[in-house]
Amino acid sequence: MKADDARAMSPDQLSDELMKLKKEQFNLRFQRATGQLENTGRVREVRRDIARVKTIAAQKRAAEKTK
């Protein structure tokens, strides 16, 4: 996910996306533990996407408070 895509989302969409990413991260951790994980780079991508979504959500909340 790119930052521009996340910035275009509403706060509700961002929270839904965050929940989806956390579920994926959980599944990837299980796959890694059981030796079934094929794309190890996806763990890093998901972790960074979670951080990106959280950052943009915080920025939107801060912008809302200043209005």
N, C-alpha and C. Protein backbone atom coordinates (compact mmCIF):
# COMPACT_ATOMS: atom_id res chain seq x y z
N MET A 1 0.84 -1.17 0.00
CA MET A 1 0.00 0.00 0.00
C MET A 1 0.89 1.24 0.00
N LYS A 2 0.51 2.18 -0.80
CA LYS A 2 1.25 3.43 -0.86
C LYS A 2 0.60 4.44 0.07
N ALA A 3 1.38 5.42 0.48
CA ALA A 3 0.89 6.44 1.40
C ALA A 3 -0.25 7.24 0.77
N ASP A 4 -0.17 7.49 -0.51
CA ASP A 4 -1.23 8.25 -1.19
C ASP A 4 -2.56 7.51 -1.13
N ASP A 5 -2.49 6.19 -1.26
CA ASP A 5 -3.72 5.39 -1.18
C ASP A 5 -4.33 5.50 0.21
N ALA A 6 -3.49 5.44 1.22
CA ALA A 6 -3.98 5.49 2.60
C ALA A 6 -4.52 6.88 2.93
N ARG A 7 -3.90 7.91 2.41
CA ARG A 7 -4.37 9.28 2.69
C ARG A 7 -5.74 9.54 2.07
N ALA A 8 -6.06 8.82 1.02
CA ALA A 8 -7.36 8.99 0.35
C ALA A 8 -8.48 8.30 1.10
N MET A 9 -8.14 7.46 2.06
CA MET A 9 -9.15 6.71 2.81
C MET A 9 -9.75 7.54 3.94
N SER A 10 -10.97 7.19 4.30
CA SER A 10 -11.62 7.84 5.44
C SER A 10 -11.09 7.17 6.72
N PRO A 11 -11.32 7.79 7.88
CA PRO A 11 -10.86 7.18 9.14
C PRO A 11 -11.43 5.78 9.37
N ASP A 12 -12.68 5.56 8.97
CA ASP A 12 -13.27 4.23 9.13
C ASP A 12 -12.58 3.21 8.23
N GLN A 13 -12.28 3.62 7.01
CA GLN A 13 -11.59 2.73 6.09
C GLN A 13 -10.19 2.41 6.60
N LEU A 14 -9.54 3.40 7.20
CA LEU A 14 -8.20 3.17 7.75
C LEU A 14 -8.24 2.16 8.89
N SER A 15 -9.24 2.25 9.75
CA SER A 15 -9.32 1.30 10.85
C SER A 15 -9.62 -0.11 10.32
N ASP A 16 -10.44 -0.21 9.28
CA ASP A 16 -10.70 -1.51 8.67
C ASP A 16 -9.43 -2.09 8.04
N GLU A 17 -8.69 -1.24 7.37
CA GLU A 17 -7.43 -1.68 6.75
C GLU A 17 -6.43 -2.12 7.81
N LEU A 18 -6.38 -1.40 8.92
CA LEU A 18 -5.48 -1.75 10.00
C LEU A 18 -5.84 -3.12 10.57
N MET A 19 -7.12 -3.37 10.76
CA MET A 19 -7.56 -4.66 11.28
C MET A 19 -7.18 -5.79 10.30
N LYS A 20 -7.36 -5.53 9.02
CA LYS A 20 -7.03 -6.53 8.00
C LYS A 20 -5.52 -6.84 8.01
N LEU A 21 -4.71 -5.79 8.13
CA LEU A 21 -3.26 -5.97 8.14
C LEU A 21 -2.80 -6.72 9.39
N LYS A 22 -3.43 -6.44 10.53
CA LYS A 22 -3.05 -7.14 11.76
C LYS A 22 -3.39 -8.62 11.67
N LYS A 23 -4.52 -8.95 11.04
CA LYS A 23 -4.87 -10.36 10.85
C LYS A 23 -3.86 -11.04 9.94
N GLU A 24 -3.47 -10.33 8.88
CA GLU A 24 -2.48 -10.90 7.97
C GLU A 24 -1.15 -11.12 8.68
N GLN A 25 -0.77 -10.15 9.51
CA GLN A 25 0.49 -10.29 10.26
C GLN A 25 0.44 -11.50 11.18
N PHE A 26 -0.69 -11.70 11.83
CA PHE A 26 -0.88 -12.85 12.71
C PHE A 26 -0.72 -14.15 11.93
N ASN A 27 -1.38 -14.22 10.76
CA ASN A 27 -1.29 -15.43 9.93
C ASN A 27 0.14 -15.67 9.43
N LEU A 28 0.84 -14.59 9.09
CA LEU A 28 2.22 -14.73 8.63
C LEU A 28 3.13 -15.24 9.75
N ARG A 29 2.88 -14.79 10.97
CA ARG A 29 3.68 -15.27 12.11
C ARG A 29 3.49 -16.77 12.30
N PHE A 30 2.25 -17.23 12.17
CA PHE A 30 1.98 -18.67 12.30
C PHE A 30 2.65 -19.44 11.17
N GLN A 31 2.57 -18.93 9.96
CA GLN A 31 3.20 -19.61 8.84
C GLN A 31 4.71 -19.70 9.04
N ARG A 32 5.31 -18.64 9.56
CA ARG A 32 6.75 -18.65 9.80
C ARG A 32 7.11 -19.68 10.86
N ALA A 33 6.30 -19.75 11.92
CA ALA A 33 6.57 -20.68 13.02
C ALA A 33 6.45 -22.13 12.58
N THR A 34 5.54 -22.40 11.66
CA THR A 34 5.34 -23.78 11.21
C THR A 34 6.18 -24.13 9.98
N GLY A 35 6.94 -23.17 9.49
CA GLY A 35 7.81 -23.42 8.35
C GLY A 35 7.09 -23.39 7.01
N GLN A 36 5.90 -22.83 6.96
CA GLN A 36 5.13 -22.79 5.72
C GLN A 36 5.24 -21.46 4.98
N LEU A 37 5.96 -20.51 5.54
CA LEU A 37 6.04 -19.18 4.93
C LEU A 37 6.97 -19.21 3.73
N GLU A 38 6.45 -18.83 2.57
CA GLU A 38 7.24 -18.82 1.35
C GLU A 38 7.83 -17.45 1.07
N ASN A 39 7.02 -16.41 1.23
CA ASN A 39 7.46 -15.05 0.92
C ASN A 39 7.82 -14.34 2.23
N THR A 40 9.06 -14.44 2.64
CA THR A 40 9.46 -13.86 3.92
C THR A 40 9.45 -12.34 3.89
N GLY A 41 9.59 -11.76 2.74
CA GLY A 41 9.58 -10.30 2.62
C GLY A 41 8.22 -9.70 2.93
N ARG A 42 7.19 -10.50 2.82
CA ARG A 42 5.83 -10.00 3.08
C ARG A 42 5.67 -9.59 4.54
N VAL A 43 6.39 -10.26 5.46
CA VAL A 43 6.32 -9.91 6.89
C VAL A 43 6.75 -8.46 7.08
N ARG A 44 7.82 -8.10 6.43
CA ARG A 44 8.34 -6.73 6.54
C ARG A 44 7.38 -5.72 5.91
N GLU A 45 6.82 -6.07 4.75
CA GLU A 45 5.88 -5.17 4.07
C GLU A 45 4.66 -4.91 4.94
N VAL A 46 4.11 -5.96 5.54
CA VAL A 46 2.91 -5.81 6.36
C VAL A 46 3.21 -4.97 7.59
N ARG A 47 4.36 -5.20 8.20
CA ARG A 47 4.73 -4.42 9.38
C ARG A 47 4.84 -2.93 9.03
N ARG A 48 5.41 -2.64 7.90
CA ARG A 48 5.55 -1.24 7.48
C ARG A 48 4.21 -0.64 7.08
N ASP A 49 3.35 -1.44 6.47
CA ASP A 49 2.01 -0.96 6.11
C ASP A 49 1.21 -0.62 7.36
N ILE A 50 1.35 -1.44 8.41
CA ILE A 50 0.66 -1.15 9.67
C ILE A 50 1.13 0.18 10.23
N ALA A 51 2.44 0.40 10.23
CA ALA A 51 2.99 1.66 10.73
C ALA A 51 2.50 2.83 9.88
N ARG A 52 2.43 2.64 8.58
CA ARG A 52 2.00 3.70 7.67
C ARG A 52 0.54 4.08 7.94
N VAL A 53 -0.31 3.07 8.10
CA VAL A 53 -1.73 3.33 8.35
C VAL A 53 -1.91 4.02 9.70
N LYS A 54 -1.19 3.56 10.72
CA LYS A 54 -1.30 4.18 12.04
C LYS A 54 -0.85 5.64 12.01
N THR A 55 0.23 5.92 11.29
CA THR A 55 0.74 7.28 11.19
C THR A 55 -0.26 8.20 10.50
N ILE A 56 -0.82 7.75 9.40
CA ILE A 56 -1.76 8.57 8.65
C ILE A 56 -3.05 8.78 9.44
N ALA A 57 -3.49 7.74 10.17
CA ALA A 57 -4.68 7.89 11.01
C ALA A 57 -4.44 8.92 12.10
N ALA A 58 -3.26 8.91 12.69
CA ALA A 58 -2.93 9.89 13.74
C ALA A 58 -2.87 11.30 13.15
N GLN A 59 -2.34 11.43 11.96
CA GLN A 59 -2.27 12.74 11.31
C GLN A 59 -3.67 13.27 11.03
N LYS A 60 -4.57 12.39 10.59
CA LYS A 60 -5.94 12.82 10.31
C LYS A 60 -6.65 13.23 11.59
N ARG A 61 -6.43 12.48 12.69
CA ARG A 61 -7.04 12.86 13.97
C ARG A 61 -6.51 14.21 14.45
N ALA A 62 -5.21 14.45 14.30
CA ALA A 62 -4.62 15.72 14.71
C ALA A 62 -5.15 16.88 13.86
N ALA A 63 -5.32 16.64 12.58
CA ALA A 63 -5.84 17.68 11.69
C ALA A 63 -7.30 18.01 12.03
N GLU A 64 -8.04 16.98 12.46
CA GLU A 64 -9.45 17.18 12.83
C GLU A 64 -9.56 18.03 14.09
N LYS A 65 -8.64 17.84 15.02
CA LYS A 65 -8.68 18.58 16.28
C LYS A 65 -8.35 20.06 16.09
N THR A 66 -7.52 20.37 15.10
CA THR A 66 -7.12 21.75 14.89
C THR A 66 -8.16 22.55 14.15
N LYS A 67 -9.19 21.89 13.61
CA LYS A 67 -10.23 22.61 12.87
C LYS A 67 -11.19 23.28 13.80
